[in-house]
Amino acid sequence: MNKSKLKIKMLEKGVTAEVLAEKIGMSKTAFSKRLNSLIPFKDHELFKLKTELSLTLDELNNIFLTF
């Protein structure tokens, strides 16, 4: 996961990690662990992030499928 790209998208949408976590039905702690790559995001969580941040499929891939 490219944390920087995700944070840029969050800034563009004017949403904090705490607010985004709430919008996708996750605790701030759980979101933080995923954001810091301690736990991977699940598919349904990625779909919710895609929706909340209005990400294109390419943007989603660029953020979460970096090797």
C-alpha atoms as a PDB file:
ATOM      1  CA  MET A   1       0.000   0.000   0.000  1.00  0.00           C
ATOM      2  CA  ASN A   2       1.197   3.505  -0.795  1.00  0.00           C
ATOM      3  CA  LYS A   3       0.291   5.397   2.373  1.00  0.00           C
ATOM      4  CA  SER A   4       1.338   8.758   0.914  1.00  0.00           C
ATOM      5  CA  LYS A   5      -1.037   8.466  -2.034  1.00  0.00           C
ATOM      6  CA  LEU A   6      -3.908   7.511   0.268  1.00  0.00           C
ATOM      7  CA  LYS A   7      -3.212  10.463   2.548  1.00  0.00           C
ATOM      8  CA  ILE A   8      -3.109  12.798  -0.465  1.00  0.00           C
ATOM      9  CA  LYS A   9      -6.560  11.574  -1.537  1.00  0.00           C
ATOM     10  CA  MET A  10      -7.827  12.067   2.013  1.00  0.00           C
ATOM     11  CA  LEU A  11      -6.484  15.638   2.004  1.00  0.00           C
ATOM     12  CA  GLU A  12      -8.060  16.318  -1.396  1.00  0.00           C
ATOM     13  CA  LYS A  13     -11.428  15.213   0.001  1.00  0.00           C
ATOM     14  CA  GLY A  14     -10.864  17.116   3.253  1.00  0.00           C
ATOM     15  CA  VAL A  15     -11.365  14.054   5.395  1.00  0.00           C
ATOM     16  CA  THR A  16      -9.356  12.986   8.440  1.00  0.00           C
ATOM     17  CA  ALA A  17      -8.463   9.397   9.276  1.00  0.00           C
ATOM     18  CA  GLU A  18     -10.936   9.494  12.158  1.00  0.00           C
ATOM     19  CA  VAL A  19     -13.807  10.692   9.973  1.00  0.00           C
ATOM     20  CA  LEU A  20     -12.982   8.300   7.155  1.00  0.00           C
ATOM     21  CA  ALA A  21     -12.783   5.386   9.585  1.00  0.00           C
ATOM     22  CA  GLU A  22     -16.251   6.245  10.868  1.00  0.00           C
ATOM     23  CA  LYS A  23     -17.654   6.595   7.349  1.00  0.00           C
ATOM     24  CA  ILE A  24     -16.472   3.115   6.397  1.00  0.00           C
ATOM     25  CA  GLY A  25     -17.675   1.573   9.666  1.00  0.00           C
ATOM     26  CA  MET A  26     -14.337   1.049  11.336  1.00  0.00           C
ATOM     27  CA  SER A  27     -12.795   2.191  14.609  1.00  0.00           C
ATOM     28  CA  LYS A  28     -10.019   4.761  14.471  1.00  0.00           C
ATOM     29  CA  THR A  29      -7.620   2.173  15.904  1.00  0.00           C
ATOM     30  CA  ALA A  30      -8.500  -0.448  13.284  1.00  0.00           C
ATOM     31  CA  PHE A  31      -8.120   2.122  10.497  1.00  0.00           C
ATOM     32  CA  SER A  32      -4.773   3.252  11.896  1.00  0.00           C
ATOM     33  CA  LYS A  33      -3.473  -0.330  11.922  1.00  0.00           C
ATOM     34  CA  ARG A  34      -4.468  -0.728   8.287  1.00  0.00           C
ATOM     35  CA  LEU A  35      -3.075   2.661   7.319  1.00  0.00           C
ATOM     36  CA  ASN A  36       0.256   1.684   8.876  1.00  0.00           C
ATOM     37  CA  SER A  37       0.240  -1.704   7.107  1.00  0.00           C
ATOM     38  CA  LEU A  38      -0.009  -3.700  10.320  1.00  0.00           C
ATOM     39  CA  ILE A  39      -3.216  -5.329   9.082  1.00  0.00           C
ATOM     40  CA  PRO A  40      -4.279  -5.499   5.414  1.00  0.00           C
ATOM     41  CA  PHE A  41      -7.481  -3.875   4.228  1.00  0.00           C
ATOM     42  CA  LYS A  42     -10.228  -6.368   3.375  1.00  0.00           C
ATOM     43  CA  ASP A  43     -11.953  -6.253  -0.011  1.00  0.00           C
ATOM     44  CA  HIS A  44     -15.181  -4.769   1.353  1.00  0.00           C
ATOM     45  CA  GLU A  45     -13.181  -2.069   3.157  1.00  0.00           C
ATOM     46  CA  LEU A  46     -11.391  -1.170  -0.074  1.00  0.00           C
ATOM     47  CA  PHE A  47     -14.757  -0.867  -1.824  1.00  0.00           C
ATOM     48  CA  LYS A  48     -15.966   1.505   0.903  1.00  0.00           C
ATOM     49  CA  LEU A  49     -12.769   3.558   0.638  1.00  0.00           C
ATOM     50  CA  LYS A  50     -13.155   3.695  -3.135  1.00  0.00           C
ATOM     51  CA  THR A  51     -16.683   5.007  -2.696  1.00  0.00           C
ATOM     52  CA  GLU A  52     -15.964   7.508   0.096  1.00  0.00           C
ATOM     53  CA  LEU A  53     -12.892   8.965  -1.607  1.00  0.00           C
ATOM     54  CA  SER A  54     -14.389   8.780  -5.120  1.00  0.00           C
ATOM     55  CA  LEU A  55     -11.402   6.792  -6.340  1.00  0.00           C
ATOM     56  CA  THR A  56     -11.178   5.457  -9.850  1.00  0.00           C
ATOM     57  CA  LEU A  57     -10.165   1.834 -10.292  1.00  0.00           C
ATOM     58  CA  ASP A  58      -6.730   3.007 -11.465  1.00  0.00           C
ATOM     59  CA  GLU A  59      -6.302   5.177  -8.369  1.00  0.00           C
ATOM     60  CA  LEU A  60      -7.366   2.306  -6.131  1.00  0.00           C
ATOM     61  CA  ASN A  61      -4.846   0.011  -7.821  1.00  0.00           C
ATOM     62  CA  ASN A  62      -2.083   2.625  -7.602  1.00  0.00           C
ATOM     63  CA  ILE A  63      -2.649   3.069  -3.896  1.00  0.00           C
ATOM     64  CA  PHE A  64      -3.223  -0.509  -2.783  1.00  0.00           C
ATOM     65  CA  LEU A  65      -1.442  -2.682  -5.338  1.00  0.00           C
ATOM     66  CA  THR A  66       2.037  -1.236  -5.142  1.00  0.00           C
ATOM     67  CA  PHE A  67       4.819  -3.790  -4.931  1.00  0.00           C
END
